Amino acid sequence: MRLFHNPRCSKSRQALALLNDSNKTFEIIHYLVEGIQREDLKRVFHFLSDDYHSLIRAKEAAAYGYSNQDSLDDVFNLILEHPSLLQRPLLLSSSFAIVARPPELIHSCL
């Protein structure tokens, strides 16, 4: 599992704590520092295919011209250009992806 984590976000910190308590193996991706790979977004989309707009922080993205009518490629490009627009916390594994808002949704994946 990979947790796309922003340490300044309380929800992301809560998700990290839940994962630490679970004793499951996972990797922390500090996406604001490391960036986000298009392949990771494609994998997430595979699991959230009909709700790719849930990947983006819509209120913040509106300042960059985002609309809920934007295509998948538009959403990907906006997140890749501005990683802070990625909805967090995001947990990705080989069998699922979840936008953990609220963080307790992680329990359903463990």
PDB file of N, CA and C in Angstrom:
ATOM      1  N   MET A   1       0.851  -1.179   0.000  1.00  0.00           N
ATOM      2  CA  MET A   1       0.000   0.000   0.000  1.00  0.00           C
ATOM      3  C   MET A   1       0.891   1.233   0.000  1.00  0.00           C
ATOM      4  N   ARG A   2       0.347   2.296  -0.581  1.00  0.00           N
ATOM      5  CA  ARG A   2       1.046   3.568  -0.627  1.00  0.00           C
ATOM      6  C   ARG A   2       0.098   4.656  -0.138  1.00  0.00           C
ATOM      7  N   LEU A   3       0.541   5.416   0.848  1.00  0.00           N
ATOM      8  CA  LEU A   3      -0.246   6.531   1.362  1.00  0.00           C
ATOM      9  C   LEU A   3       0.347   7.817   0.797  1.00  0.00           C
ATOM     10  N   PHE A   4      -0.445   8.537   0.029  1.00  0.00           N
ATOM     11  CA  PHE A   4      -0.042   9.846  -0.459  1.00  0.00           C
ATOM     12  C   PHE A   4      -0.353  10.820   0.670  1.00  0.00           C
ATOM     13  N   HIS A   5       0.709  11.301   1.287  1.00  0.00           N
ATOM     14  CA  HIS A   5       0.619  11.962   2.582  1.00  0.00           C
ATOM     15  C   HIS A   5       1.116  13.399   2.524  1.00  0.00           C
ATOM     16  N   ASN A   6       0.352  14.267   3.188  1.00  0.00           N
ATOM     17  CA  ASN A   6       0.751  15.654   3.404  1.00  0.00           C
ATOM     18  C   ASN A   6       0.792  15.843   4.919  1.00  0.00           C
ATOM     19  N   PRO A   7       2.002  15.954   5.508  1.00  0.00           N
ATOM     20  CA  PRO A   7       2.099  16.039   6.965  1.00  0.00           C
ATOM     21  C   PRO A   7       1.439  17.278   7.560  1.00  0.00           C
ATOM     22  N   ARG A   8       1.137  18.273   6.760  1.00  0.00           N
ATOM     23  CA  ARG A   8       0.481  19.476   7.276  1.00  0.00           C
ATOM     24  C   ARG A   8      -1.036  19.326   7.330  1.00  0.00           C
ATOM     25  N   CYS A   9      -1.554  18.239   6.796  1.00  0.00           N
ATOM     26  CA  CYS A   9      -3.000  18.001   6.737  1.00  0.00           C
ATOM     27  C   CYS A   9      -3.420  17.099   7.899  1.00  0.00           C
ATOM     28  N   SER A  10      -4.357  17.552   8.695  1.00  0.00           N
ATOM     29  CA  SER A  10      -4.789  16.763   9.855  1.00  0.00           C
ATOM     30  C   SER A  10      -5.420  15.436   9.427  1.00  0.00           C
ATOM     31  N   LYS A  11      -6.181  15.424   8.354  1.00  0.00           N
ATOM     32  CA  LYS A  11      -6.805  14.172   7.892  1.00  0.00           C
ATOM     33  C   LYS A  11      -5.735  13.185   7.443  1.00  0.00           C
ATOM     34  N   SER A  12      -4.713  13.685   6.795  1.00  0.00           N
ATOM     35  CA  SER A  12      -3.620  12.830   6.355  1.00  0.00           C
ATOM     36  C   SER A  12      -2.850  12.278   7.550  1.00  0.00           C
ATOM     37  N   ARG A  13      -2.622  13.102   8.560  1.00  0.00           N
ATOM     38  CA  ARG A  13      -1.956  12.626   9.775  1.00  0.00           C
ATOM     39  C   ARG A  13      -2.805  11.561  10.473  1.00  0.00           C
ATOM     40  N   GLN A  14      -4.116  11.742  10.484  1.00  0.00           N
ATOM     41  CA  GLN A  14      -5.003  10.743  11.094  1.00  0.00           C
ATOM     42  C   GLN A  14      -4.929   9.425  10.320  1.00  0.00           C
ATOM     43  N   ALA A  15      -4.908   9.509   8.998  1.00  0.00           N
ATOM     44  CA  ALA A  15      -4.802   8.300   8.177  1.00  0.00           C
ATOM     45  C   ALA A  15      -3.479   7.589   8.447  1.00  0.00           C
ATOM     46  N   LEU A  16      -2.411   8.340   8.550  1.00  0.00           N
ATOM     47  CA  LEU A  16      -1.099   7.755   8.849  1.00  0.00           C
ATOM     48  C   LEU A  16      -1.127   7.034  10.199  1.00  0.00           C
ATOM     49  N   ALA A  17      -1.737   7.639  11.190  1.00  0.00           N
ATOM     50  CA  ALA A  17      -1.841   7.017  12.505  1.00  0.00           C
ATOM     51  C   ALA A  17      -2.635   5.712  12.437  1.00  0.00           C
ATOM     52  N   LEU A  18      -3.724   5.710  11.694  1.00  0.00           N
ATOM     53  CA  LEU A  18      -4.521   4.492  11.545  1.00  0.00           C
ATOM     54  C   LEU A  18      -3.711   3.386  10.881  1.00  0.00           C
ATOM     55  N   LEU A  19      -2.950   3.739   9.862  1.00  0.00           N
ATOM     56  CA  LEU A  19      -2.122   2.740   9.189  1.00  0.00           C
ATOM     57  C   LEU A  19      -1.011   2.239  10.104  1.00  0.00           C
ATOM     58  N   ASN A  20      -0.402   3.141  10.847  1.00  0.00           N
ATOM     59  CA  ASN A  20       0.641   2.720  11.794  1.00  0.00           C
ATOM     60  C   ASN A  20       0.070   1.755  12.829  1.00  0.00           C
ATOM     61  N   ASP A  21      -1.135   2.024  13.307  1.00  0.00           N
ATOM     62  CA  ASP A  21      -1.777   1.161  14.300  1.00  0.00           C
ATOM     63  C   ASP A  21      -2.188  -0.193  13.722  1.00  0.00           C
ATOM     64  N   SER A  22      -2.344  -0.262  12.397  1.00  0.00           N
ATOM     65  CA  SER A  22      -2.818  -1.494  11.768  1.00  0.00           C
ATOM     66  C   SER A  22      -1.731  -2.552  11.630  1.00  0.00           C
ATOM     67  N   ASN A  23      -0.484  -2.158  11.784  1.00  0.00           N
ATOM     68  CA  ASN A  23       0.651  -3.065  11.591  1.00  0.00           C
ATOM     69  C   ASN A  23       0.748  -3.610  10.172  1.00  0.00           C
ATOM     70  N   LYS A  24       0.091  -2.958   9.227  1.00  0.00           N
ATOM     71  CA  LYS A  24       0.202  -3.319   7.812  1.00  0.00           C
ATOM     72  C   LYS A  24       1.437  -2.634   7.235  1.00  0.00           C
ATOM     73  N   THR A  25       1.997  -3.242   6.217  1.00  0.00           N
ATOM     74  CA  THR A  25       3.139  -2.651   5.537  1.00  0.00           C
ATOM     75  C   THR A  25       2.642  -1.635   4.521  1.00  0.00           C
ATOM     76  N   PHE A  26       3.229  -0.458   4.552  1.00  0.00           N
ATOM     77  CA  PHE A  26       2.848   0.566   3.592  1.00  0.00           C
ATOM     78  C   PHE A  26       4.019   1.513   3.385  1.00  0.00           C
ATOM     79  N   GLU A  27       3.937   2.243   2.298  1.00  0.00           N
ATOM     80  CA  GLU A  27       4.948   3.236   1.936  1.00  0.00           C
ATOM     81  C   GLU A  27       4.305   4.612   2.025  1.00  0.00           C
ATOM     82  N   ILE A  28       5.046   5.557   2.523  1.00  0.00           N
ATOM     83  CA  ILE A  28       4.560   6.937   2.580  1.00  0.00           C
ATOM     84  C   ILE A  28       5.126   7.694   1.387  1.00  0.00           C
ATOM     85  N   ILE A  29       4.248   8.307   0.623  1.00  0.00           N
ATOM     86  CA  ILE A  29       4.650   9.134  -0.510  1.00  0.00           C
ATOM     87  C   ILE A  29       4.396  10.585  -0.112  1.00  0.00           C
ATOM     88  N   HIS A  30       5.464  11.334   0.053  1.00  0.00           N
ATOM     89  CA  HIS A  30       5.346  12.770   0.340  1.00  0.00           C
ATOM     90  C   HIS A  30       5.214  13.488  -1.001  1.00  0.00           C
ATOM     91  N   TYR A  31       4.009  13.452  -1.538  1.00  0.00           N
ATOM     92  CA  TYR A  31       3.780  13.874  -2.913  1.00  0.00           C
ATOM     93  C   TYR A  31       4.066  15.357  -3.158  1.00  0.00           C
ATOM     94  N   LEU A  32       4.020  16.187  -2.118  1.00  0.00           N
ATOM     95  CA  LEU A  32       4.335  17.608  -2.316  1.00  0.00           C
ATOM     96  C   LEU A  32       5.832  17.808  -2.542  1.00  0.00           C
ATOM     97  N   VAL A  33       6.639  16.877  -2.058  1.00  0.00           N
ATOM     98  CA  VAL A  33       8.089  16.934  -2.229  1.00  0.00           C
ATOM     99  C   VAL A  33       8.520  16.074  -3.418  1.00  0.00           C
ATOM    100  N   GLU A  34       8.008  14.848  -3.450  1.00  0.00           N
ATOM    101  CA  GLU A  34       8.421  13.862  -4.451  1.00  0.00           C
ATOM    102  C   GLU A  34       7.668  14.004  -5.765  1.00  0.00           C
ATOM    103  N   GLY A  35       6.535  14.665  -5.732  1.00  0.00           N
ATOM    104  CA  GLY A  35       5.684  14.739  -6.918  1.00  0.00           C
ATOM    105  C   GLY A  35       4.800  13.511  -7.018  1.00  0.00           C
ATOM    106  N   ILE A  36       4.031  13.482  -8.079  1.00  0.00           N
ATOM    107  CA  ILE A  36       3.087  12.397  -8.328  1.00  0.00           C
ATOM    108  C   ILE A  36       3.383  11.880  -9.731  1.00  0.00           C
ATOM    109  N   GLN A  37       3.340  10.577  -9.876  1.00  0.00           N
ATOM    110  CA  GLN A  37       3.569   9.971 -11.177  1.00  0.00           C
ATOM    111  C   GLN A  37       2.226   9.773 -11.890  1.00  0.00           C
ATOM    112  N   ARG A  38       2.213  10.050 -13.190  1.00  0.00           N
ATOM    113  CA  ARG A  38       0.997   9.842 -13.986  1.00  0.00           C
ATOM    114  C   ARG A  38       0.521   8.391 -13.853  1.00  0.00           C
ATOM    115  N   GLU A  39       1.458   7.453 -13.792  1.00  0.00           N
ATOM    116  CA  GLU A  39       1.088   6.042 -13.657  1.00  0.00           C
ATOM    117  C   GLU A  39       0.314   5.790 -12.365  1.00  0.00           C
ATOM    118  N   ASP A  40       0.700   6.458 -11.289  1.00  0.00           N
ATOM    119  CA  ASP A  40      -0.051   6.314 -10.035  1.00  0.00           C
ATOM    120  C   ASP A  40      -1.465   6.847 -10.194  1.00  0.00           C
ATOM    121  N   LEU A  41      -1.606   7.988 -10.854  1.00  0.00           N
ATOM    122  CA  LEU A  41      -2.953   8.531 -11.072  1.00  0.00           C
ATOM    123  C   LEU A  41      -3.781   7.588 -11.938  1.00  0.00           C
ATOM    124  N   LYS A  42      -3.155   6.975 -12.926  1.00  0.00           N
ATOM    125  CA  LYS A  42      -3.878   6.016 -13.771  1.00  0.00           C
ATOM    126  C   LYS A  42      -4.334   4.810 -12.957  1.00  0.00           C
ATOM    127  N   ARG A  43      -3.468   4.338 -12.057  1.00  0.00           N
ATOM    128  CA  ARG A  43      -3.850   3.206 -11.211  1.00  0.00           C
ATOM    129  C   ARG A  43      -5.006   3.585 -10.303  1.00  0.00           C
ATOM    130  N   VAL A  44      -4.957   4.784  -9.733  1.00  0.00           N
ATOM    131  CA  VAL A  44      -6.056   5.253  -8.883  1.00  0.00           C
ATOM    132  C   VAL A  44      -7.337   5.325  -9.702  1.00  0.00           C
ATOM    133  N   PHE A  45      -7.241   5.890 -10.900  1.00  0.00           N
ATOM    134  CA  PHE A  45      -8.414   6.005 -11.763  1.00  0.00           C
ATOM    135  C   PHE A  45      -9.022   4.635 -12.060  1.00  0.00           C
ATOM    136  N   HIS A  46      -8.181   3.634 -12.201  1.00  0.00           N
ATOM    137  CA  HIS A  46      -8.671   2.284 -12.459  1.00  0.00           C
ATOM    138  C   HIS A  46      -9.685   1.862 -11.396  1.00  0.00           C
ATOM    139  N   PHE A  47      -9.451   2.255 -10.153  1.00  0.00           N
ATOM    140  CA  PHE A  47     -10.336   1.869  -9.055  1.00  0.00           C
ATOM    141  C   PHE A  47     -11.459   2.877  -8.814  1.00  0.00           C
ATOM    142  N   LEU A  48     -11.245   4.127  -9.199  1.00  0.00           N
ATOM    143  CA  LEU A  48     -12.264   5.171  -8.990  1.00  0.00           C
ATOM    144  C   LEU A  48     -12.791   5.666 -10.331  1.00  0.00           C
ATOM    145  N   SER A  49     -12.899   4.788 -11.293  1.00  0.00           N
ATOM    146  CA  SER A  49     -13.108   5.169 -12.689  1.00  0.00           C
ATOM    147  C   SER A  49     -14.277   6.121 -12.923  1.00  0.00           C
ATOM    148  N   ASP A  50     -15.361   5.967 -12.240  1.00  0.00           N
ATOM    149  CA  ASP A  50     -16.491   6.842 -12.514  1.00  0.00           C
ATOM    150  C   ASP A  50     -16.493   8.087 -11.632  1.00  0.00           C
ATOM    151  N   ASP A  51     -15.485   8.231 -10.797  1.00  0.00           N
ATOM    152  CA  ASP A  51     -15.460   9.369  -9.881  1.00  0.00           C
ATOM    153  C   ASP A  51     -14.065  10.001  -9.815  1.00  0.00           C
ATOM    154  N   TYR A  52     -13.449  10.215 -10.970  1.00  0.00           N
ATOM    155  CA  TYR A  52     -12.105  10.778 -10.968  1.00  0.00           C
ATOM    156  C   TYR A  52     -12.076  12.204 -10.435  1.00  0.00           C
ATOM    157  N   HIS A  53     -13.199  12.886 -10.419  1.00  0.00           N
ATOM    158  CA  HIS A  53     -13.229  14.235  -9.847  1.00  0.00           C
ATOM    159  C   HIS A  53     -13.004  14.217  -8.336  1.00  0.00           C
ATOM    160  N   SER A  54     -13.187  13.054  -7.717  1.00  0.00           N
ATOM    161  CA  SER A  54     -12.923  12.960  -6.281  1.00  0.00           C
ATOM    162  C   SER A  54     -11.430  13.024  -5.974  1.00  0.00           C
ATOM    163  N   LEU A  55     -10.593  12.954  -7.001  1.00  0.00           N
ATOM    164  CA  LEU A  55      -9.139  13.028  -6.813  1.00  0.00           C
ATOM    165  C   LEU A  55      -8.632  14.444  -6.592  1.00  0.00           C
ATOM    166  N   ILE A  56      -9.464  15.431  -6.878  1.00  0.00           N
ATOM    167  CA  ILE A  56      -8.982  16.808  -6.873  1.00  0.00           C
ATOM    168  C   ILE A  56      -9.708  17.639  -5.814  1.00  0.00           C
ATOM    169  N   ARG A  57      -8.974  18.537  -5.219  1.00  0.00           N
ATOM    170  CA  ARG A  57      -9.541  19.463  -4.239  1.00  0.00           C
ATOM    171  C   ARG A  57     -10.211  20.593  -5.029  1.00  0.00           C
ATOM    172  N   ALA A  58     -11.484  20.429  -5.285  1.00  0.00           N
ATOM    173  CA  ALA A  58     -12.206  21.271  -6.240  1.00  0.00           C
ATOM    174  C   ALA A  58     -12.191  22.755  -5.881  1.00  0.00           C
ATOM    175  N   LYS A  59     -12.367  23.084  -4.622  1.00  0.00           N
ATOM    176  CA  LYS A  59     -12.400  24.504  -4.246  1.00  0.00           C
ATOM    177  C   LYS A  59     -11.080  25.189  -4.559  1.00  0.00           C
ATOM    178  N   GLU A  60      -9.969  24.530  -4.204  1.00  0.00           N
ATOM    179  CA  GLU A  60      -8.658  25.098  -4.478  1.00  0.00           C
ATOM    180  C   GLU A  60      -8.356  25.093  -5.976  1.00  0.00           C
ATOM    181  N   ALA A  61      -8.801  24.054  -6.674  1.00  0.00           N
ATOM    182  CA  ALA A  61      -8.528  23.912  -8.107  1.00  0.00           C
ATOM    183  C   ALA A  61      -9.284  24.932  -8.942  1.00  0.00           C
ATOM    184  N   ALA A  62     -10.383  25.443  -8.424  1.00  0.00           N
ATOM    185  CA  ALA A  62     -11.156  26.445  -9.164  1.00  0.00           C
ATOM    186  C   ALA A  62     -10.301  27.668  -9.504  1.00  0.00           C
ATOM    187  N   ALA A  63      -9.351  27.990  -8.644  1.00  0.00           N
ATOM    188  CA  ALA A  63      -8.453  29.121  -8.901  1.00  0.00           C
ATOM    189  C   ALA A  63      -7.578  28.881 -10.131  1.00  0.00           C
ATOM    190  N   TYR A  64      -7.452  27.626 -10.555  1.00  0.00           N
ATOM    191  CA  TYR A  64      -6.655  27.264 -11.735  1.00  0.00           C
ATOM    192  C   TYR A  64      -7.541  26.954 -12.932  1.00  0.00           C
ATOM    193  N   GLY A  65      -8.832  27.290 -12.819  1.00  0.00           N
ATOM    194  CA  GLY A  65      -9.754  27.094 -13.930  1.00  0.00           C
ATOM    195  C   GLY A  65     -10.445  25.742 -13.953  1.00  0.00           C
ATOM    196  N   TYR A  66     -10.314  24.978 -12.878  1.00  0.00           N
ATOM    197  CA  TYR A  66     -10.939  23.659 -12.817  1.00  0.00           C
ATOM    198  C   TYR A  66     -12.459  23.772 -12.823  1.00  0.00           C
ATOM    199  N   SER A  67     -13.074  22.822 -13.512  1.00  0.00           N
ATOM    200  CA  SER A  67     -14.524  22.680 -13.530  1.00  0.00           C
ATOM    201  C   SER A  67     -14.843  21.200 -13.428  1.00  0.00           C
ATOM    202  N   ASN A  68     -15.985  20.854 -12.836  1.00  0.00           N
ATOM    203  CA  ASN A  68     -16.346  19.436 -12.744  1.00  0.00           C
ATOM    204  C   ASN A  68     -16.729  18.864 -14.110  1.00  0.00           C
ATOM    205  N   GLN A  69     -16.635  19.686 -15.142  1.00  0.00           N
ATOM    206  CA  GLN A  69     -16.833  19.221 -16.516  1.00  0.00           C
ATOM    207  C   GLN A  69     -15.510  18.847 -17.178  1.00  0.00           C
ATOM    208  N   ASP A  70     -14.392  19.080 -16.488  1.00  0.00           N
ATOM    209  CA  ASP A  70     -13.077  18.785 -17.042  1.00  0.00           C
ATOM    210  C   ASP A  70     -12.921  17.292 -17.317  1.00  0.00           C
ATOM    211  N   SER A  71     -12.152  16.991 -18.336  1.00  0.00           N
ATOM    212  CA  SER A  71     -11.895  15.599 -18.704  1.00  0.00           C
ATOM    213  C   SER A  71     -10.906  14.970 -17.725  1.00  0.00           C
ATOM    214  N   LEU A  72     -10.789  13.673 -17.818  1.00  0.00           N
ATOM    215  CA  LEU A  72      -9.835  12.939 -17.000  1.00  0.00           C
ATOM    216  C   LEU A  72      -8.418  13.470 -17.225  1.00  0.00           C
ATOM    217  N   ASP A  73      -8.032  13.666 -18.474  1.00  0.00           N
ATOM    218  CA  ASP A  73      -6.692  14.192 -18.757  1.00  0.00           C
ATOM    219  C   ASP A  73      -6.493  15.575 -18.171  1.00  0.00           C
ATOM    220  N   ASP A  74      -7.524  16.417 -18.221  1.00  0.00           N
ATOM    221  CA  ASP A  74      -7.421  17.757 -17.632  1.00  0.00           C
ATOM    222  C   ASP A  74      -7.181  17.663 -16.128  1.00  0.00           C
ATOM    223  N   VAL A  75      -7.899  16.767 -15.470  1.00  0.00           N
ATOM    224  CA  VAL A  75      -7.740  16.584 -14.017  1.00  0.00           C
ATOM    225  C   VAL A  75      -6.342  16.060 -13.716  1.00  0.00           C
ATOM    226  N   PHE A  76      -5.899  15.049 -14.454  1.00  0.00           N
ATOM    227  CA  PHE A  76      -4.546  14.518 -14.252  1.00  0.00           C
ATOM    228  C   PHE A  76      -3.497  15.611 -14.427  1.00  0.00           C
ATOM    229  N   ASN A  77      -3.596  16.363 -15.513  1.00  0.00           N
ATOM    230  CA  ASN A  77      -2.600  17.402 -15.792  1.00  0.00           C
ATOM    231  C   ASN A  77      -2.577  18.465 -14.706  1.00  0.00           C
ATOM    232  N   LEU A  78      -3.733  18.834 -14.211  1.00  0.00           N
ATOM    233  CA  LEU A  78      -3.806  19.844 -13.159  1.00  0.00           C
ATOM    234  C   LEU A  78      -3.157  19.326 -11.874  1.00  0.00           C
ATOM    235  N   ILE A  79      -3.425  18.078 -11.514  1.00  0.00           N
ATOM    236  CA  ILE A  79      -2.815  17.494 -10.309  1.00  0.00           C
ATOM    237  C   ILE A  79      -1.302  17.348 -10.490  1.00  0.00           C
ATOM    238  N   LEU A  80      -0.869  16.924 -11.667  1.00  0.00           N
ATOM    239  CA  LEU A  80       0.564  16.768 -11.911  1.00  0.00           C
ATOM    240  C   LEU A  80       1.290  18.107 -11.855  1.00  0.00           C
ATOM    241  N   GLU A  81       0.652  19.146 -12.345  1.00  0.00           N
ATOM    242  CA  GLU A  81       1.254  20.476 -12.333  1.00  0.00           C
ATOM    243  C   GLU A  81       1.194  21.113 -10.942  1.00  0.00           C
ATOM    244  N   HIS A  82       0.139  20.813 -10.207  1.00  0.00           N
ATOM    245  CA  HIS A  82      -0.079  21.396  -8.876  1.00  0.00           C
ATOM    246  C   HIS A  82      -0.431  20.273  -7.900  1.00  0.00           C
ATOM    247  N   PRO A  83       0.563  19.540  -7.407  1.00  0.00           N
ATOM    248  CA  PRO A  83       0.297  18.383  -6.543  1.00  0.00           C
ATOM    249  C   PRO A  83      -0.526  18.710  -5.300  1.00  0.00           C
ATOM    250  N   SER A  84      -0.498  19.941  -4.846  1.00  0.00           N
ATOM    251  CA  SER A  84      -1.279  20.298  -3.658  1.00  0.00           C
ATOM    252  C   SER A  84      -2.782  20.165  -3.903  1.00  0.00           C
ATOM    253  N   LEU A  85      -3.185  20.019  -5.162  1.00  0.00           N
ATOM    254  CA  LEU A  85      -4.603  19.869  -5.489  1.00  0.00           C
ATOM    255  C   LEU A  85      -5.101  18.432  -5.347  1.00  0.00           C
ATOM    256  N   LEU A  86      -4.182  17.497  -5.100  1.00  0.00           N
ATOM    257  CA  LEU A  86      -4.586  16.108  -4.899  1.00  0.00           C
ATOM    258  C   LEU A  86      -5.393  15.994  -3.616  1.00  0.00           C
ATOM    259  N   GLN A  87      -6.541  15.373  -3.733  1.00  0.00           N
ATOM    260  CA  GLN A  87      -7.360  15.129  -2.534  1.00  0.00           C
ATOM    261  C   GLN A  87      -6.605  14.155  -1.632  1.00  0.00           C
ATOM    262  N   ARG A  88      -6.617  14.435  -0.377  1.00  0.00           N
ATOM    263  CA  ARG A  88      -5.872  13.618   0.567  1.00  0.00           C
ATOM    264  C   ARG A  88      -6.727  13.332   1.786  1.00  0.00           C
ATOM    265  N   PRO A  89      -6.368  12.292   2.469  1.00  0.00           N
ATOM    266  CA  PRO A  89      -5.334  11.302   2.180  1.00  0.00           C
ATOM    267  C   PRO A  89      -5.813  10.315   1.117  1.00  0.00           C
ATOM    268  N   LEU A  90      -4.878   9.843   0.351  1.00  0.00           N
ATOM    269  CA  LEU A  90      -5.157   8.889  -0.713  1.00  0.00           C
ATOM    270  C   LEU A  90      -4.350   7.631  -0.433  1.00  0.00           C
ATOM    271  N   LEU A  91      -5.029   6.503  -0.384  1.00  0.00           N
ATOM    272  CA  LEU A  91      -4.385   5.217  -0.138  1.00  0.00           C
ATOM    273  C   LEU A  91      -4.548   4.367  -1.385  1.00  0.00           C
ATOM    274  N   LEU A  92      -3.422   3.837  -1.868  1.00  0.00           N
ATOM    275  CA  LEU A  92      -3.407   3.057  -3.099  1.00  0.00           C
ATOM    276  C   LEU A  92      -2.723   1.722  -2.835  1.00  0.00           C
ATOM    277  N   SER A  93      -3.320   0.662  -3.342  1.00  0.00           N
ATOM    278  CA  SER A  93      -2.693  -0.660  -3.266  1.00  0.00           C
ATOM    279  C   SER A  93      -2.866  -1.332  -4.621  1.00  0.00           C
ATOM    280  N   SER A  94      -2.453  -2.565  -4.704  1.00  0.00           N
ATOM    281  CA  SER A  94      -2.613  -3.300  -5.961  1.00  0.00           C
ATOM    282  C   SER A  94      -4.066  -3.708  -6.208  1.00  0.00           C
ATOM    283  N   SER A  95      -4.900  -3.613  -5.166  1.00  0.00           N
ATOM    284  CA  SER A  95      -6.288  -4.064  -5.323  1.00  0.00           C
ATOM    285  C   SER A  95      -7.339  -2.998  -5.030  1.00  0.00           C
ATOM    286  N   PHE A  96      -6.945  -1.812  -4.616  1.00  0.00           N
ATOM    287  CA  PHE A  96      -7.922  -0.757  -4.339  1.00  0.00           C
ATOM    288  C   PHE A  96      -7.245   0.602  -4.287  1.00  0.00           C
ATOM    289  N   ALA A  97      -8.075   1.614  -4.357  1.00  0.00           N
ATOM    290  CA  ALA A  97      -7.668   2.995  -4.073  1.00  0.00           C
ATOM    291  C   ALA A  97      -8.824   3.626  -3.323  1.00  0.00           C
ATOM    292  N   ILE A  98      -8.477   4.487  -2.376  1.00  0.00           N
ATOM    293  CA  ILE A  98      -9.518   5.143  -1.592  1.00  0.00           C
ATOM    294  C   ILE A  98      -9.063   6.549  -1.226  1.00  0.00           C
ATOM    295  N   VAL A  99      -9.977   7.496  -1.424  1.00  0.00           N
ATOM    296  CA  VAL A  99      -9.792   8.831  -0.876  1.00  0.00           C
ATOM    297  C   VAL A  99     -10.386   8.750   0.519  1.00  0.00           C
ATOM    298  N   ALA A 100      -9.522   8.772   1.509  1.00  0.00           N
ATOM    299  CA  ALA A 100      -9.924   8.492   2.893  1.00  0.00           C
ATOM    300  C   ALA A 100     -10.400   9.751   3.601  1.00  0.00           C
ATOM    301  N   ARG A 101     -11.526  10.248   3.179  1.00  0.00           N
ATOM    302  CA  ARG A 101     -12.183  11.377   3.819  1.00  0.00           C
ATOM    303  C   ARG A 101     -13.572  10.908   4.205  1.00  0.00           C
ATOM    304  N   PRO A 102     -13.779  10.583   5.413  1.00  0.00           N
ATOM    305  CA  PRO A 102     -12.919  10.726   6.580  1.00  0.00           C
ATOM    306  C   PRO A 102     -11.870   9.612   6.627  1.00  0.00           C
ATOM    307  N   PRO A 103     -10.798   9.832   7.360  1.00  0.00           N
ATOM    308  CA  PRO A 103      -9.711   8.849   7.429  1.00  0.00           C
ATOM    309  C   PRO A 103     -10.159   7.466   7.900  1.00  0.00           C
ATOM    310  N   GLU A 104     -11.218   7.394   8.668  1.00  0.00           N
ATOM    311  CA  GLU A 104     -11.709   6.104   9.177  1.00  0.00           C
ATOM    312  C   GLU A 104     -12.122   5.165   8.052  1.00  0.00           C
ATOM    313  N   LEU A 105     -12.319   5.669   6.846  1.00  0.00           N
ATOM    314  CA  LEU A 105     -12.643   4.805   5.713  1.00  0.00           C
ATOM    315  C   LEU A 105     -11.540   3.795   5.457  1.00  0.00           C
ATOM    316  N   ILE A 106     -10.346   4.087   5.933  1.00  0.00           N
ATOM    317  CA  ILE A 106      -9.224   3.171   5.759  1.00  0.00           C
ATOM    318  C   ILE A 106      -9.524   1.824   6.426  1.00  0.00           C
ATOM    319  N   HIS A 107     -10.270   1.831   7.503  1.00  0.00           N
ATOM    320  CA  HIS A 107     -10.587   0.575   8.201  1.00  0.00           C
ATOM    321  C   HIS A 107     -11.236  -0.434   7.251  1.00  0.00           C
ATOM    322  N   SER A 108     -12.022   0.035   6.300  1.00  0.00           N
ATOM    323  CA  SER A 108     -12.706  -0.876   5.385  1.00  0.00           C
ATOM    324  C   SER A 108     -11.746  -1.565   4.418  1.00  0.00           C
ATOM    325  N   CYS A 109     -10.516  -1.058   4.332  1.00  0.00           N
ATOM    326  CA  CYS A 109      -9.523  -1.617   3.407  1.00  0.00           C
ATOM    327  C   CYS A 109      -8.489  -2.492   4.091  1.00  0.00           C
ATOM    328  N   LEU A 110      -8.480  -2.499   5.395  1.00  0.00           N
ATOM    329  CA  LEU A 110      -7.422  -3.212   6.124  1.00  0.00           C
ATOM    330  C   LEU A 110      -7.827  -4.637   6.455  1.00  0.00           C
TER     331      LEU A 110
END
